[in-house]
Protein backbone atom coordinates (compact mmCIF):
# COMPACT_ATOMS: atom_id res chain seq x y z
CA MET A 1 -3.54 18.77 -14.21
CA LYS A 2 -3.80 16.27 -17.02
CA ALA A 3 -2.73 12.45 -16.42
CA LYS A 4 -1.92 9.47 -18.81
CA THR A 5 -1.35 5.75 -18.12
CA ILE A 6 1.04 3.38 -19.94
CA LYS A 7 1.95 -0.21 -19.79
CA GLY A 8 4.64 -2.58 -21.22
CA GLU A 9 6.27 -5.89 -20.70
CA SER A 10 9.99 -4.31 -21.52
CA THR A 11 11.84 -1.03 -21.77
CA GLY A 12 11.43 -0.99 -25.23
CA GLU A 13 7.23 -1.13 -24.81
CA ILE A 14 7.58 1.72 -22.08
CA GLN A 15 9.74 3.65 -24.43
CA ALA A 16 7.47 3.23 -27.52
CA ALA A 17 4.46 4.10 -25.43
CA LEU A 18 5.71 7.35 -23.71
CA GLN A 19 6.55 8.66 -27.15
CA GLU A 20 3.14 7.93 -28.54
CA THR A 21 1.84 9.55 -25.34
CA MET A 22 4.09 12.76 -25.87
CA ARG A 23 2.99 13.13 -29.57
CA ASP A 24 0.42 15.35 -29.14
CA GLY A 25 2.44 17.86 -27.16
CA PHE A 26 1.61 16.20 -23.83
CA LYS A 27 4.82 17.14 -21.60
CA PRO A 28 4.82 15.09 -18.20
CA THR A 29 6.90 16.36 -15.32
CA LEU A 30 6.10 13.64 -12.78
CA GLY A 31 6.03 9.99 -13.23
CA ILE A 32 4.34 7.41 -11.15
CA VAL A 33 6.19 3.79 -11.64
CA PHE A 34 5.14 0.53 -10.67
CA ILE A 35 7.26 -2.29 -11.65
CA SER A 36 8.10 -6.11 -11.48
CA ILE A 37 11.38 -6.68 -10.04
CA LYS A 38 12.09 -9.00 -12.82
CA GLN A 39 12.23 -5.77 -15.15
CA ASP A 40 15.03 -3.45 -15.66
CA ARG A 41 13.77 -0.27 -13.19
CA ASP A 42 17.44 1.22 -14.13
CA ALA A 43 16.45 1.37 -17.94
CA ILE A 44 13.24 3.13 -17.06
CA CYS A 45 14.56 5.70 -14.99
CA SER A 46 17.18 6.64 -17.38
CA LEU A 47 14.41 6.86 -19.90
CA LEU A 48 12.17 9.18 -18.20
CA ASN A 49 14.91 11.42 -16.42
CA LYS A 50 15.91 12.05 -19.98
CA GLU A 51 12.57 13.73 -20.80
CA GLY A 52 12.88 16.02 -17.56
CA ILE A 53 10.23 14.03 -15.64
CA SER A 54 10.61 13.16 -11.78
CA ILE A 55 10.26 9.58 -10.64
CA PHE A 56 8.49 8.16 -7.53
CA GLY A 57 8.79 3.91 -7.94
CA ALA A 58 8.28 1.00 -6.30
CA THR A 59 8.43 -2.71 -7.12
CA THR A 60 5.30 -4.68 -6.87
CA SER A 61 3.63 -7.96 -6.80
CA GLY A 62 1.24 -7.06 -9.50
CA GLU A 63 0.43 -4.03 -11.26
CA PHE A 64 -2.49 -2.39 -13.10
CA ILE A 65 -3.66 0.54 -15.12
CA SER A 66 -7.24 -0.76 -15.80
CA PRO A 67 -8.97 -3.93 -14.42
CA GLU A 68 -6.79 -5.80 -16.63
CA ILE A 69 -4.20 -7.15 -14.04
CA GLN A 70 -0.52 -7.42 -15.04
CA GLU A 71 2.31 -9.32 -13.46
CA GLY A 72 5.84 -9.13 -14.12
CA SER A 73 5.40 -5.99 -16.14
CA ILE A 74 5.73 -2.17 -15.97
CA ALA A 75 2.93 0.24 -15.20
CA VAL A 76 3.50 4.27 -15.35
CA MET A 77 1.21 7.23 -14.60
CA LEU A 78 2.15 10.53 -16.34
CA LEU A 79 1.70 13.75 -14.87
CA ASP A 80 1.93 17.22 -16.18
CA ILE A 81 1.72 18.62 -13.08
CA ASN A 82 3.55 21.87 -11.97
CA PRO A 83 6.77 21.17 -10.99
CA ALA A 84 6.38 23.54 -8.19
CA TYR A 85 3.57 21.92 -6.93
CA PHE A 86 5.61 18.53 -5.53
CA LYS A 87 8.71 17.25 -4.58
CA ILE A 88 10.35 13.86 -4.65
CA LEU A 89 12.40 12.56 -1.61
CA PHE A 90 14.27 9.66 -1.20
CA PHE A 91 15.27 8.60 2.29
CA GLU A 92 17.13 5.29 3.70
CA THR A 93 16.52 3.99 6.84
CA SER A 94 19.53 1.45 6.92
CA THR A 95 21.43 3.57 9.20
CA SER A 96 18.46 4.78 11.60
CA SER A 97 15.32 3.73 12.84
CA ALA A 98 12.30 4.03 10.30
CA PHE A 99 10.87 6.45 13.06
CA GLU A 100 13.86 8.74 13.14
CA THR A 101 14.23 8.51 9.10
CA SER A 102 10.43 9.55 8.66
CA LYS A 103 10.59 12.26 11.48
CA GLN A 104 13.33 13.71 9.20
CA LEU A 105 10.99 13.25 5.74
CA GLY A 106 8.10 15.07 7.91
CA HIS A 107 10.56 18.01 8.49
CA ALA A 108 11.46 18.01 5.22
CA GLY A 109 8.05 18.44 4.05
CA LYS A 110 6.99 20.95 6.61
CA ASN A 111 10.05 23.14 5.20
CA VAL A 112 9.09 22.79 1.36
CA PHE A 113 5.35 23.60 1.80
CA SER A 114 3.27 25.25 4.54
CA ARG A 115 0.59 22.35 3.83
CA PRO A 116 2.18 19.12 2.81
CA ALA A 117 0.59 15.90 2.07
CA PHE A 118 2.56 12.96 1.35
CA ILE A 119 2.18 10.03 -1.00
CA ILE A 120 4.94 7.17 0.14
CA ALA A 121 6.43 3.85 -0.99
CA SER A 122 8.68 1.65 1.36
CA GLY A 123 10.82 -1.09 1.25
CA TRP A 124 11.10 -4.05 3.22
CA LEU A 125 9.92 -2.32 6.26
CA HIS A 126 6.74 -4.31 7.11
CA THR A 127 7.37 -4.31 11.07
CA GLU A 128 7.61 -0.82 10.73
CA GLY A 129 4.61 0.41 9.36
CA GLU A 130 3.05 2.54 12.27
CA GLN A 131 6.48 3.77 13.27
CA ILE A 132 6.90 5.54 9.63
CA VAL A 133 3.35 7.53 10.01
CA LYS A 134 4.47 8.29 13.78
CA GLY A 135 7.48 9.65 12.43
CA ILE A 136 6.55 11.86 9.43
CA GLU A 137 3.71 13.26 12.11
CA GLU A 138 6.25 14.12 14.46
CA GLY A 139 8.25 15.95 11.88
CA MET A 140 5.48 17.81 11.11
CA GLY A 141 4.27 18.45 14.28
CA SER A 142 0.77 17.89 13.72
CA GLU A 143 -1.41 14.85 12.08
CA VAL A 144 -1.03 15.22 8.41
CA THR A 145 -2.04 13.67 5.44
CA VAL A 146 -0.15 10.27 4.10
CA PHE A 147 -1.19 7.57 2.02
CA GLY A 148 0.81 4.78 0.18
CA ALA A 149 2.38 1.45 0.69
CA MET A 150 5.10 -0.91 0.75
CA ALA A 151 6.78 -2.29 -2.09
CA GLY A 152 6.11 -5.90 -3.39
CA ASP A 153 8.59 -8.19 -5.09
CA ASP A 154 6.41 -10.81 -6.89
CA LEU A 155 5.90 -12.64 -3.53
CA ALA A 156 9.45 -13.68 -3.48
CA LEU A 157 9.42 -11.83 -0.17
CA ARG A 158 13.09 -10.95 -0.23
CA GLU A 159 13.86 -7.63 -1.45
CA PRO A 160 10.84 -5.11 -2.29
CA LEU A 161 12.53 -1.75 -3.38
CA VAL A 162 11.44 1.68 -3.84
CA PHE A 163 13.28 3.92 -5.79
CA THR A 164 14.19 7.10 -7.87
CA HIS A 165 16.47 8.37 -10.47
CA GLY A 166 19.92 7.43 -9.33
CA MET A 167 18.70 5.77 -6.17
CA HIS A 168 16.72 2.72 -4.68
CA SER A 169 16.76 0.57 -1.73
CA VAL A 170 15.05 -2.29 0.10
CA THR A 171 14.99 -0.41 3.39
CA GLY A 172 14.45 3.14 1.92
CA VAL A 173 11.44 5.29 1.69
CA VAL A 174 10.33 7.43 -1.29
CA ALA A 175 8.00 10.11 -1.08
CA ILE A 176 5.60 12.70 -2.96
CA ILE A 177 5.25 15.51 -1.15
CA PHE A 178 2.42 17.63 -2.79
CA ASP A 179 1.53 21.51 -1.80
CA GLU A 180 -2.23 20.96 -0.59
CA ASP A 181 -2.65 24.34 -1.50
CA LYS A 182 -2.43 23.77 -5.04
CA ILE A 183 -3.35 20.06 -5.31
CA ASP A 184 -6.39 18.50 -3.16
CA ILE A 185 -5.57 15.14 -2.15
CA LYS A 186 -8.22 12.79 -0.57
CA GLY A 187 -8.32 8.87 -0.17
CA ILE A 188 -9.56 6.35 1.78
CA ALA A 189 -8.18 2.93 3.52
CA THR A 190 -11.20 0.41 3.41
CA CYS A 191 -11.18 -3.25 3.43
CA GLY A 192 -14.86 -4.69 3.32
CA TRP A 193 -13.97 -7.65 5.42
CA LYS A 194 -16.41 -8.91 7.94
CA PRO A 195 -15.74 -9.96 11.38
CA VAL A 196 -16.82 -13.49 12.82
CA GLY A 197 -16.79 -15.15 16.11
CA THR A 198 -16.32 -13.60 19.41
CA THR A 199 -13.75 -11.05 20.64
CA LYS A 200 -10.68 -12.16 21.98
CA THR A 201 -7.49 -11.00 23.30
CA VAL A 202 -3.74 -11.15 22.34
CA THR A 203 -2.04 -12.20 25.69
CA ARG A 204 1.28 -12.24 24.63
CA SER A 205 3.01 -10.83 21.61
CA SER A 206 6.39 -8.94 20.77
CA GLY A 207 6.04 -7.09 17.60
CA ASN A 208 4.61 -8.29 14.79
CA ILE A 209 4.71 -11.96 16.33
CA VAL A 210 1.65 -13.20 18.09
CA TYR A 211 2.71 -16.13 20.94
CA THR A 212 -0.61 -16.69 22.75
CA ILE A 213 -4.33 -15.91 22.22
CA ASP A 214 -6.66 -15.83 25.30
CA GLU A 215 -3.52 -17.75 26.78
CA ARG A 216 -3.37 -20.45 24.06
CA PRO A 217 -1.26 -20.91 21.41
CA ALA A 218 -1.65 -18.62 18.81
CA LEU A 219 -1.10 -21.04 15.80
CA ASP A 220 -3.11 -23.77 17.45
CA LEU A 221 -6.28 -21.51 17.67
CA VAL A 222 -6.07 -20.32 14.30
CA ILE A 223 -5.93 -24.25 13.32
CA LYS A 224 -9.07 -25.02 14.99
CA TYR A 225 -10.88 -22.10 15.04
CA LEU A 226 -10.67 -21.84 11.21
CA GLY A 227 -10.47 -25.48 10.13
CA LEU A 228 -7.06 -25.30 8.50
CA ASP A 229 -4.96 -28.63 7.77
CA ILE A 230 -0.89 -27.01 8.09
CA ASP A 231 0.12 -29.38 10.28
CA SER A 232 -0.07 -32.63 8.60
CA ASP A 233 3.16 -32.78 6.42
CA SER A 234 5.80 -32.91 9.26
CA ASN A 235 8.77 -32.62 7.01
CA LYS A 236 7.70 -29.12 5.88
CA ASP A 237 9.56 -26.18 6.94
CA VAL A 238 9.10 -24.85 10.65
CA VAL A 239 7.86 -21.73 9.08
CA ILE A 240 4.72 -22.30 7.29
CA ASN A 241 2.55 -20.13 4.93
CA ILE A 242 -0.77 -19.55 6.03
CA GLY A 243 -2.00 -17.62 3.40
CA ALA A 244 -4.42 -14.55 3.36
CA TYR A 245 -7.57 -15.79 3.50
CA TYR A 246 -8.16 -15.12 7.82
CA PRO A 247 -6.81 -11.83 8.62
CA LEU A 248 -7.03 -10.33 12.00
CA GLN A 249 -9.06 -7.36 12.92
CA LEU A 250 -7.57 -5.19 15.44
CA GLU A 251 -10.73 -3.71 17.21
CA ARG A 252 -10.70 0.29 18.64
CA GLU A 253 -12.72 2.76 20.48
CA ASN A 254 -14.48 4.94 17.98
CA ALA A 255 -12.85 3.97 15.19
CA PRO A 256 -12.86 1.05 12.71
CA PRO A 257 -11.03 -2.05 13.05
CA VAL A 258 -7.24 -1.96 11.59
CA MET A 259 -6.34 -4.91 9.85
CA ARG A 260 -3.35 -7.58 9.90
CA THR A 261 -2.64 -10.34 8.01
CA ALA A 262 -1.48 -13.34 9.91
CA MET A 263 0.73 -14.46 7.05
CA LEU A 264 3.18 -17.47 8.49
CA GLY A 265 3.07 -19.44 11.39
CA ASN A 266 5.75 -21.18 13.18
CA LYS A 267 5.17 -24.67 14.08
CA GLU A 268 8.12 -25.01 16.46
CA ASP A 269 6.89 -22.17 19.04
CA ARG A 270 3.27 -22.26 17.68
CA SER A 271 3.19 -18.48 17.13
CA LEU A 272 1.74 -16.26 13.85
CA ILE A 273 4.02 -14.00 12.10
CA CYS A 274 1.70 -10.92 11.09
CA ALA A 275 2.19 -8.51 8.59
CA GLY A 276 2.35 -5.08 10.88
CA ASN A 277 2.95 -5.12 14.83
CA VAL A 278 -0.01 -6.42 17.15
CA PRO A 279 -0.04 -5.24 20.25
CA GLN A 280 -0.01 -7.24 23.77
CA GLY A 281 -3.43 -6.92 24.94
CA ALA A 282 -5.12 -6.15 21.65
CA LYS A 283 -8.64 -7.34 21.07
CA ILE A 284 -9.24 -9.04 17.85
CA ARG A 285 -11.56 -10.99 15.90
CA PHE A 286 -11.11 -13.14 12.89
CA SER A 287 -12.46 -12.40 9.37
CA LEU A 288 -14.77 -14.19 7.04
CA PRO A 289 -13.42 -15.67 3.57
CA PRO A 290 -14.26 -12.59 0.86
CA ASP A 291 -17.45 -12.52 -1.23
CA PHE A 292 -18.94 -9.81 -3.34
CA ASP A 293 -20.27 -7.83 -0.39
CA VAL A 294 -16.47 -6.67 0.57
CA ILE A 295 -16.66 -5.28 -3.22
CA ASP A 296 -19.87 -3.60 -2.77
CA THR A 297 -18.48 -2.10 0.68
CA VAL A 298 -15.35 -0.87 -0.87
CA VAL A 299 -17.14 1.07 -3.75
CA ALA A 300 -19.86 2.50 -1.24
CA GLU A 301 -17.22 4.02 0.65
CA CYS A 302 -15.29 5.30 -2.06
CA THR A 303 -18.83 6.72 -3.42
CA GLY A 304 -19.20 8.60 -0.20
CA LEU A 305 -15.57 9.94 -0.40
CA LYS A 306 -16.89 11.32 -3.64
CA LYS A 307 -19.79 12.76 -2.41
CA GLU A 308 -18.46 14.32 0.76
CA ASP A 309 -14.91 15.20 0.00
CA GLN A 310 -13.84 15.12 -3.56
CA PRO A 311 -16.45 15.28 -6.30
CA GLU A 312 -13.90 15.05 -9.25
CA ALA A 313 -10.58 13.54 -9.94
CA ASP A 314 -7.52 14.50 -12.51
CA ALA A 315 -6.07 10.89 -11.50
CA MET A 316 -6.57 8.19 -9.06
CA ILE A 317 -3.99 5.87 -7.17
CA MET A 318 -4.83 2.31 -5.67
CA PHE A 319 -2.79 0.35 -3.38
CA SER A 320 -4.03 -2.89 -2.83
CA CYS A 321 -2.66 -5.52 -0.69
CA ILE A 322 -1.41 -8.74 -2.38
CA SER A 323 -3.57 -10.69 0.15
CA ARG A 324 -6.80 -9.08 -1.23
CA TYR A 325 -5.48 -10.50 -4.37
CA LEU A 326 -4.85 -13.85 -3.24
CA SER A 327 -8.22 -14.16 -1.49
CA PHE A 328 -10.64 -12.37 -4.37
CA GLY A 329 -8.84 -13.93 -7.36
CA VAL A 330 -11.17 -12.95 -10.21
CA MET A 331 -13.39 -10.61 -8.22
CA THR A 332 -9.82 -8.26 -7.85
CA SER A 333 -10.49 -7.19 -11.71
CA GLU A 334 -14.44 -6.33 -10.66
CA GLU A 335 -13.13 -4.26 -7.60
CA ILE A 336 -10.74 -2.29 -9.56
CA GLU A 337 -13.64 -1.49 -12.21
CA ARG A 338 -16.00 -0.44 -10.15
CA VAL A 339 -13.61 1.73 -8.22
CA GLN A 340 -12.21 3.21 -11.12
CA LYS A 341 -15.76 3.95 -12.41
CA VAL A 342 -16.64 5.79 -8.98
CA TRP A 343 -14.60 8.91 -10.44
CA ASN A 344 -13.85 7.60 -14.21
CA ALA A 345 -10.35 9.32 -13.93
CA PRO A 346 -6.93 7.74 -15.23
CA LEU A 347 -5.92 5.07 -12.59
CA ILE A 348 -3.01 3.29 -11.72
CA GLY A 349 -2.04 0.75 -8.99
CA PHE A 350 -0.11 -2.42 -7.77
CA PHE A 351 -0.38 -5.14 -4.82
CA SER A 352 1.52 -4.05 -1.91
CA TYR A 353 2.90 -5.84 1.29
CA GLY A 354 0.86 -3.10 3.54
CA GLU A 355 -1.16 0.03 2.91
CA PHE A 356 -0.77 3.64 4.34
CA GLY A 357 -4.05 5.59 4.47
CA LYS A 358 -6.94 7.06 6.41
CA SER A 359 -10.23 4.90 7.17
CA ARG A 360 -13.84 6.79 7.36
CA ASN A 361 -13.79 7.60 10.93
CA GLY A 362 -9.89 6.62 11.55
CA LYS A 363 -6.67 8.76 11.31
CA HIS A 364 -3.90 8.11 8.71
CA GLU A 365 -2.25 5.12 9.77
CA PHE A 366 -0.72 1.43 8.68
CA HIS A 367 -2.80 -1.00 7.10
CA ASN A 368 -2.78 -4.86 5.85
CA ASN A 369 -5.35 -6.43 3.60
CA THR A 370 -7.17 -3.17 2.81
CA CYS A 371 -7.55 -0.98 -0.29
CA CYS A 372 -6.04 2.41 -0.14
CA VAL A 373 -7.73 4.53 -2.87
CA VAL A 374 -6.08 8.08 -3.38
CA VAL A 375 -7.75 10.74 -5.70
CA LEU A 376 -5.60 13.70 -7.22
CA LYS A 377 -7.26 16.88 -8.35
CA GLU A 378 -5.47 20.15 -9.24
CA LYS A 379 -7.26 23.49 -7.42
């Protein structure tokens, strides 16, 4: 399997880059497309489809094929993989639950390959992340390899989309199902954030809304504990942006913490609105703002994956939470560069609203504020 990456600011630039890429006889069969909501995704799909290229696509909140981060553009990875080794599937969740839809996806994967692995992207389903993984596992009848992310929309928080040729949806799920007998797929979901303070208990929550922590209003606790100043303007909207600097760490037994970003605060009921479910009774800690040690941890975990499981790669995909980009700023480019150097393979990535993957000692699940790195190698 050979992989090449192209990028552009318009359909015309992608068309020219595609023709140049194929000039040496390279004939891609699969295109991974990460694209700004501002761009013409239908035109890009038509362009690739005319060349016989199957499409796995998601809109983004920033996209990259190198440490140079783009915003408002188009990034494409082209792979010349045998079409018998993969299948693109698209499911809409608007008429059923995310769990039931994902169960259908898992069942379909089992019918396509004896050992399927899933790379997925979902639309505006941030409160259903856990249900997507559970549904795929239920359809498969066992634990399964699942990596991917939730689409972005340049931080508009209105209509992140997933798509393939002829289909797109805000509430859909698109998947590449790979035959693991032919393609090795390994990955790791890692964050590197350090916990701070004592362990606290979520004493009232519903889905992704946390009302009280240690019997105190969750927003009040965050304001006091982290020294934030977000109540000073009484004329602002009731729902306010907290930012991405202080994610919650949900502690678990015999597994690394899973991250949950407290994206918004409700000044009326003093609750926190998180990018993923936070169970009532969960044990949590806050996180320190990032420094270069965070990147060191991510690179070290990727290096461990290379040494222990996947020494070589034909292609790399990085799903990185938009919260990390907002928190890291210019450090983000260094993280991308150092991770790519671990395998020194072609890379594509985007900034997402949630990530699917497996931590070092955990299982495949839904994450926030995490960098999920996936490597592909044809056997």
